[in-house]
Amino acid sequence: MTTPSMPSTKRSSSLTSPSDFDKAFEGIQVSEVVKGKLVEEIGRRLAPQPMKIAAVIEVNCFTKEGVEAIKEALRAGESLGTAELKISITLITPPCFVVSTMALLNKKKAIDLIDASIKAIDTAIRERGGSCKVKTPAHAVGKNMESEFEKGLLDQDKNGINPDEELEFEEDGDQ
């Protein structure tokens, strides 16, 4: 049994209204239950997927404030995150950090936010005598790059390096 198709008053590039689905199933005999399941599955598969946007930066500060200056600078960068786009900063290996966010629809807005976060980190660390260098500019991250980051973190653990451990510097009195 086919369902009568209703004429659509507006043109749509995706199947969004019931009349669009009726057109798609026109001429095919499908029960309403099967049609409902197909529509549900199509909607699920066509839903936008989140995309990770990331940049790699190197942050150093060899002044007396050292690690505390780096922490404050990174907090300044994280504070630019919004409810829609949260900024996450992860240590890869000292002094390299990944600045990332998850974008659902607006990739450009996410890249701009990462760039603004890096600028805030740079400004904050320079005020304290440190430096910030962009190693990899903000871009969409695929599965391969994520696994490389994870592999790098696992390699650190094998070598006895804990990326979450606070760094301590010894002061030499000979200099």
C-alpha atoms as a PDB file:
ATOM      1  CA  MET A   1       0.000   0.000   0.000  1.00  0.00           C
ATOM      2  CA  THR A   2       1.401   3.340  -0.949  1.00  0.00           C
ATOM      3  CA  THR A   3       0.755   6.588   0.789  1.00  0.00           C
ATOM      4  CA  PRO A   4      -0.368   9.520  -1.285  1.00  0.00           C
ATOM      5  CA  SER A   5       2.323  12.111  -1.758  1.00  0.00           C
ATOM      6  CA  MET A   6       1.576  15.666  -0.825  1.00  0.00           C
ATOM      7  CA  PRO A   7       2.863  18.458  -3.052  1.00  0.00           C
ATOM      8  CA  SER A   8       5.689  20.369  -1.426  1.00  0.00           C
ATOM      9  CA  THR A   9       5.494  24.164  -1.482  1.00  0.00           C
ATOM     10  CA  LYS A  10       9.205  24.660  -0.910  1.00  0.00           C
ATOM     11  CA  ARG A  11      12.190  22.968  -2.434  1.00  0.00           C
ATOM     12  CA  SER A  12      14.475  21.123   0.006  1.00  0.00           C
ATOM     13  CA  SER A  13      17.856  19.511  -0.604  1.00  0.00           C
ATOM     14  CA  SER A  14      17.362  16.956   2.179  1.00  0.00           C
ATOM     15  CA  LEU A  15      14.609  14.674   3.324  1.00  0.00           C
ATOM     16  CA  THR A  16      13.168  16.645   6.205  1.00  0.00           C
ATOM     17  CA  SER A  17       9.395  16.862   5.916  1.00  0.00           C
ATOM     18  CA  PRO A  18       6.889  13.985   5.687  1.00  0.00           C
ATOM     19  CA  SER A  19       6.088  14.948   2.089  1.00  0.00           C
ATOM     20  CA  ASP A  20       9.781  14.530   1.149  1.00  0.00           C
ATOM     21  CA  PHE A  21       9.756  11.005   2.549  1.00  0.00           C
ATOM     22  CA  ASP A  22       6.500  10.270   0.741  1.00  0.00           C
ATOM     23  CA  LYS A  23       8.201  11.278  -2.510  1.00  0.00           C
ATOM     24  CA  ALA A  24      11.165   9.043  -1.738  1.00  0.00           C
ATOM     25  CA  PHE A  25       8.906   6.030  -1.165  1.00  0.00           C
ATOM     26  CA  GLU A  26       6.631   6.824  -4.117  1.00  0.00           C
ATOM     27  CA  GLY A  27       5.920   3.715  -6.184  1.00  0.00           C
ATOM     28  CA  ILE A  28       7.342   1.363  -3.532  1.00  0.00           C
ATOM     29  CA  GLN A  29       4.985  -0.784  -1.525  1.00  0.00           C
ATOM     30  CA  VAL A  30       6.239  -0.582   2.074  1.00  0.00           C
ATOM     31  CA  SER A  31       4.316  -0.945   5.317  1.00  0.00           C
ATOM     32  CA  GLU A  32       4.098   2.101   7.585  1.00  0.00           C
ATOM     33  CA  VAL A  33       6.138   0.279  10.261  1.00  0.00           C
ATOM     34  CA  VAL A  34       9.012  -0.438   7.854  1.00  0.00           C
ATOM     35  CA  LYS A  35       8.775   3.065   6.416  1.00  0.00           C
ATOM     36  CA  GLY A  36       8.950   4.545   9.945  1.00  0.00           C
ATOM     37  CA  LYS A  37      12.048   2.462  10.778  1.00  0.00           C
ATOM     38  CA  LEU A  38      13.729   3.456   7.507  1.00  0.00           C
ATOM     39  CA  VAL A  39      13.010   7.138   8.092  1.00  0.00           C
ATOM     40  CA  GLU A  40      14.400   6.848  11.642  1.00  0.00           C
ATOM     41  CA  GLU A  41      17.577   5.060  10.433  1.00  0.00           C
ATOM     42  CA  ILE A  42      18.117   7.550   7.585  1.00  0.00           C
ATOM     43  CA  GLY A  43      17.747  10.442  10.029  1.00  0.00           C
ATOM     44  CA  ARG A  44      20.251   8.882  12.434  1.00  0.00           C
ATOM     45  CA  ARG A  45      22.844   8.215   9.736  1.00  0.00           C
ATOM     46  CA  LEU A  46      22.516  11.660   8.187  1.00  0.00           C
ATOM     47  CA  ALA A  47      22.794  13.506  11.517  1.00  0.00           C
ATOM     48  CA  PRO A  48      25.851  15.795  11.671  1.00  0.00           C
ATOM     49  CA  GLN A  49      28.850  14.162  13.324  1.00  0.00           C
ATOM     50  CA  PRO A  50      31.062  16.078  15.749  1.00  0.00           C
ATOM     51  CA  MET A  51      34.476  17.001  14.404  1.00  0.00           C
ATOM     52  CA  LYS A  52      37.571  17.531  16.537  1.00  0.00           C
ATOM     53  CA  ILE A  53      39.498  20.729  15.776  1.00  0.00           C
ATOM     54  CA  ALA A  54      42.995  20.885  17.248  1.00  0.00           C
ATOM     55  CA  ALA A  55      46.288  22.753  17.181  1.00  0.00           C
ATOM     56  CA  VAL A  56      49.643  21.869  18.700  1.00  0.00           C
ATOM     57  CA  ILE A  57      51.546  24.567  20.573  1.00  0.00           C
ATOM     58  CA  GLU A  58      54.817  24.749  22.468  1.00  0.00           C
ATOM     59  CA  VAL A  59      54.752  26.854  25.645  1.00  0.00           C
ATOM     60  CA  ASN A  60      57.943  27.701  27.575  1.00  0.00           C
ATOM     61  CA  CYS A  61      58.746  29.960  30.483  1.00  0.00           C
ATOM     62  CA  PHE A  62      62.234  29.996  31.952  1.00  0.00           C
ATOM     63  CA  THR A  63      61.621  32.834  34.385  1.00  0.00           C
ATOM     64  CA  LYS A  64      61.167  32.440  38.122  1.00  0.00           C
ATOM     65  CA  GLU A  65      57.407  31.935  37.665  1.00  0.00           C
ATOM     66  CA  GLY A  66      58.039  29.005  35.286  1.00  0.00           C
ATOM     67  CA  VAL A  67      55.377  26.310  35.578  1.00  0.00           C
ATOM     68  CA  GLU A  68      52.906  28.604  37.343  1.00  0.00           C
ATOM     69  CA  ALA A  69      53.118  31.095  34.469  1.00  0.00           C
ATOM     70  CA  ILE A  70      52.470  28.287  31.968  1.00  0.00           C
ATOM     71  CA  LYS A  71      49.465  27.054  33.974  1.00  0.00           C
ATOM     72  CA  GLU A  72      47.977  30.551  34.143  1.00  0.00           C
ATOM     73  CA  ALA A  73      48.524  31.108  30.420  1.00  0.00           C
ATOM     74  CA  LEU A  74      46.815  27.809  29.570  1.00  0.00           C
ATOM     75  CA  ARG A  75      43.899  28.683  31.866  1.00  0.00           C
ATOM     76  CA  ALA A  76      43.570  31.991  29.998  1.00  0.00           C
ATOM     77  CA  GLY A  77      43.266  30.044  26.744  1.00  0.00           C
ATOM     78  CA  GLU A  78      40.743  27.561  28.178  1.00  0.00           C
ATOM     79  CA  SER A  79      38.595  30.374  29.568  1.00  0.00           C
ATOM     80  CA  LEU A  80      37.624  31.440  26.021  1.00  0.00           C
ATOM     81  CA  GLY A  81      35.568  28.268  25.589  1.00  0.00           C
ATOM     82  CA  THR A  82      31.786  28.565  25.389  1.00  0.00           C
ATOM     83  CA  ALA A  83      28.946  26.207  26.293  1.00  0.00           C
ATOM     84  CA  GLU A  84      28.767  25.243  22.599  1.00  0.00           C
ATOM     85  CA  LEU A  85      32.544  24.987  22.030  1.00  0.00           C
ATOM     86  CA  LYS A  86      34.589  24.006  25.082  1.00  0.00           C
ATOM     87  CA  ILE A  87      38.345  24.449  24.832  1.00  0.00           C
ATOM     88  CA  SER A  88      40.440  21.547  26.074  1.00  0.00           C
ATOM     89  CA  ILE A  89      44.212  21.761  26.549  1.00  0.00           C
ATOM     90  CA  THR A  90      46.186  18.538  26.928  1.00  0.00           C
ATOM     91  CA  LEU A  91      49.881  17.993  27.527  1.00  0.00           C
ATOM     92  CA  ILE A  92      51.517  15.818  24.848  1.00  0.00           C
ATOM     93  CA  THR A  93      55.129  16.035  26.003  1.00  0.00           C
ATOM     94  CA  PRO A  94      56.683  18.990  27.760  1.00  0.00           C
ATOM     95  CA  PRO A  95      56.555  21.688  26.369  1.00  0.00           C
ATOM     96  CA  CYS A  96      53.968  20.633  23.711  1.00  0.00           C
ATOM     97  CA  PHE A  97      50.227  20.964  24.271  1.00  0.00           C
ATOM     98  CA  VAL A  98      47.154  20.193  22.155  1.00  0.00           C
ATOM     99  CA  VAL A  99      44.478  22.895  22.155  1.00  0.00           C
ATOM    100  CA  SER A 100      41.219  21.329  20.933  1.00  0.00           C
ATOM    101  CA  THR A 101      37.447  21.565  20.729  1.00  0.00           C
ATOM    102  CA  MET A 102      34.597  19.541  19.241  1.00  0.00           C
ATOM    103  CA  ALA A 103      32.603  21.258  16.485  1.00  0.00           C
ATOM    104  CA  LEU A 104      29.212  19.982  15.450  1.00  0.00           C
ATOM    105  CA  LEU A 105      28.377  22.213  12.495  1.00  0.00           C
ATOM    106  CA  ASN A 106      30.566  25.306  12.303  1.00  0.00           C
ATOM    107  CA  LYS A 107      34.160  24.250  11.612  1.00  0.00           C
ATOM    108  CA  LYS A 108      35.318  27.822  10.849  1.00  0.00           C
ATOM    109  CA  LYS A 109      33.954  29.138  14.153  1.00  0.00           C
ATOM    110  CA  ALA A 110      35.795  26.351  16.012  1.00  0.00           C
ATOM    111  CA  ILE A 111      39.083  27.098  14.213  1.00  0.00           C
ATOM    112  CA  ASP A 112      38.678  30.813  14.984  1.00  0.00           C
ATOM    113  CA  LEU A 113      38.060  29.970  18.650  1.00  0.00           C
ATOM    114  CA  ILE A 114      41.205  27.792  18.812  1.00  0.00           C
ATOM    115  CA  ASP A 115      43.205  30.620  17.184  1.00  0.00           C
ATOM    116  CA  ALA A 116      41.822  33.131  19.717  1.00  0.00           C
ATOM    117  CA  SER A 117      42.689  30.741  22.548  1.00  0.00           C
ATOM    118  CA  ILE A 118      46.271  30.418  21.285  1.00  0.00           C
ATOM    119  CA  LYS A 119      46.525  34.209  21.028  1.00  0.00           C
ATOM    120  CA  ALA A 120      45.329  34.533  24.659  1.00  0.00           C
ATOM    121  CA  ILE A 121      47.908  31.938  25.755  1.00  0.00           C
ATOM    122  CA  ASP A 122      50.638  33.775  23.833  1.00  0.00           C
ATOM    123  CA  THR A 123      49.699  37.134  25.362  1.00  0.00           C
ATOM    124  CA  ALA A 124      49.531  35.731  28.909  1.00  0.00           C
ATOM    125  CA  ILE A 125      52.841  33.838  28.713  1.00  0.00           C
ATOM    126  CA  ARG A 126      54.707  36.757  27.086  1.00  0.00           C
ATOM    127  CA  GLU A 127      53.597  39.027  29.943  1.00  0.00           C
ATOM    128  CA  ARG A 128      55.486  36.669  32.247  1.00  0.00           C
ATOM    129  CA  GLY A 129      58.609  36.367  30.099  1.00  0.00           C
ATOM    130  CA  GLY A 130      57.727  33.092  28.347  1.00  0.00           C
ATOM    131  CA  SER A 131      57.035  32.121  24.777  1.00  0.00           C
ATOM    132  CA  CYS A 132      54.351  30.342  22.794  1.00  0.00           C
ATOM    133  CA  LYS A 133      55.034  28.816  19.394  1.00  0.00           C
ATOM    134  CA  VAL A 134      52.408  27.214  17.135  1.00  0.00           C
ATOM    135  CA  LYS A 135      53.749  23.858  15.959  1.00  0.00           C
ATOM    136  CA  THR A 136      50.595  22.804  14.054  1.00  0.00           C
ATOM    137  CA  PRO A 137      47.873  25.371  13.246  1.00  0.00           C
ATOM    138  CA  ALA A 138      44.211  24.651  14.057  1.00  0.00           C
ATOM    139  CA  HIS A 139      42.679  22.099  11.709  1.00  0.00           C
ATOM    140  CA  ALA A 140      40.186  19.227  11.620  1.00  0.00           C
ATOM    141  CA  VAL A 141      41.642  16.128  13.231  1.00  0.00           C
ATOM    142  CA  GLY A 142      40.997  12.690  11.782  1.00  0.00           C
ATOM    143  CA  LYS A 143      41.191   9.310  13.490  1.00  0.00           C
ATOM    144  CA  ASN A 144      44.874   8.891  12.533  1.00  0.00           C
ATOM    145  CA  MET A 145      46.056  12.040  14.303  1.00  0.00           C
ATOM    146  CA  GLU A 146      44.033  11.232  17.441  1.00  0.00           C
ATOM    147  CA  SER A 147      45.638   7.802  17.603  1.00  0.00           C
ATOM    148  CA  GLU A 148      49.095   9.387  17.171  1.00  0.00           C
ATOM    149  CA  PHE A 149      48.418  11.670  20.157  1.00  0.00           C
ATOM    150  CA  GLU A 150      47.217   8.698  22.215  1.00  0.00           C
ATOM    151  CA  LYS A 151      50.243   6.644  21.129  1.00  0.00           C
ATOM    152  CA  GLY A 152      52.537   9.497  22.156  1.00  0.00           C
ATOM    153  CA  LEU A 153      50.903   9.635  25.579  1.00  0.00           C
ATOM    154  CA  LEU A 154      51.194   5.856  25.951  1.00  0.00           C
ATOM    155  CA  ASP A 155      54.878   6.000  24.995  1.00  0.00           C
ATOM    156  CA  GLN A 156      55.405   8.612  27.717  1.00  0.00           C
ATOM    157  CA  ASP A 157      53.838   6.295  30.299  1.00  0.00           C
ATOM    158  CA  LYS A 158      56.139   3.445  29.197  1.00  0.00           C
ATOM    159  CA  ASN A 159      59.156   5.711  29.655  1.00  0.00           C
ATOM    160  CA  GLY A 160      58.073   6.667  33.166  1.00  0.00           C
ATOM    161  CA  ILE A 161      56.843  10.123  32.192  1.00  0.00           C
ATOM    162  CA  ASN A 162      53.476  11.107  33.606  1.00  0.00           C
ATOM    163  CA  PRO A 163      51.896  13.865  31.478  1.00  0.00           C
ATOM    164  CA  ASP A 164      49.668  14.936  34.384  1.00  0.00           C
ATOM    165  CA  GLU A 165      52.579  15.295  36.806  1.00  0.00           C
ATOM    166  CA  GLU A 166      53.643  18.792  37.810  1.00  0.00           C
ATOM    167  CA  LEU A 167      57.092  19.729  36.602  1.00  0.00           C
ATOM    168  CA  GLU A 168      59.680  20.757  39.167  1.00  0.00           C
ATOM    169  CA  PHE A 169      62.876  22.585  38.355  1.00  0.00           C
ATOM    170  CA  GLU A 170      65.985  22.589  40.488  1.00  0.00           C
ATOM    171  CA  GLU A 171      67.820  25.867  40.800  1.00  0.00           C
ATOM    172  CA  ASP A 172      71.575  25.829  40.365  1.00  0.00           C
ATOM    173  CA  GLY A 173      73.448  28.211  42.607  1.00  0.00           C
ATOM    174  CA  ASP A 174      76.543  27.960  40.363  1.00  0.00           C
ATOM    175  CA  GLN A 175      75.183  30.189  37.612  1.00  0.00           C
END
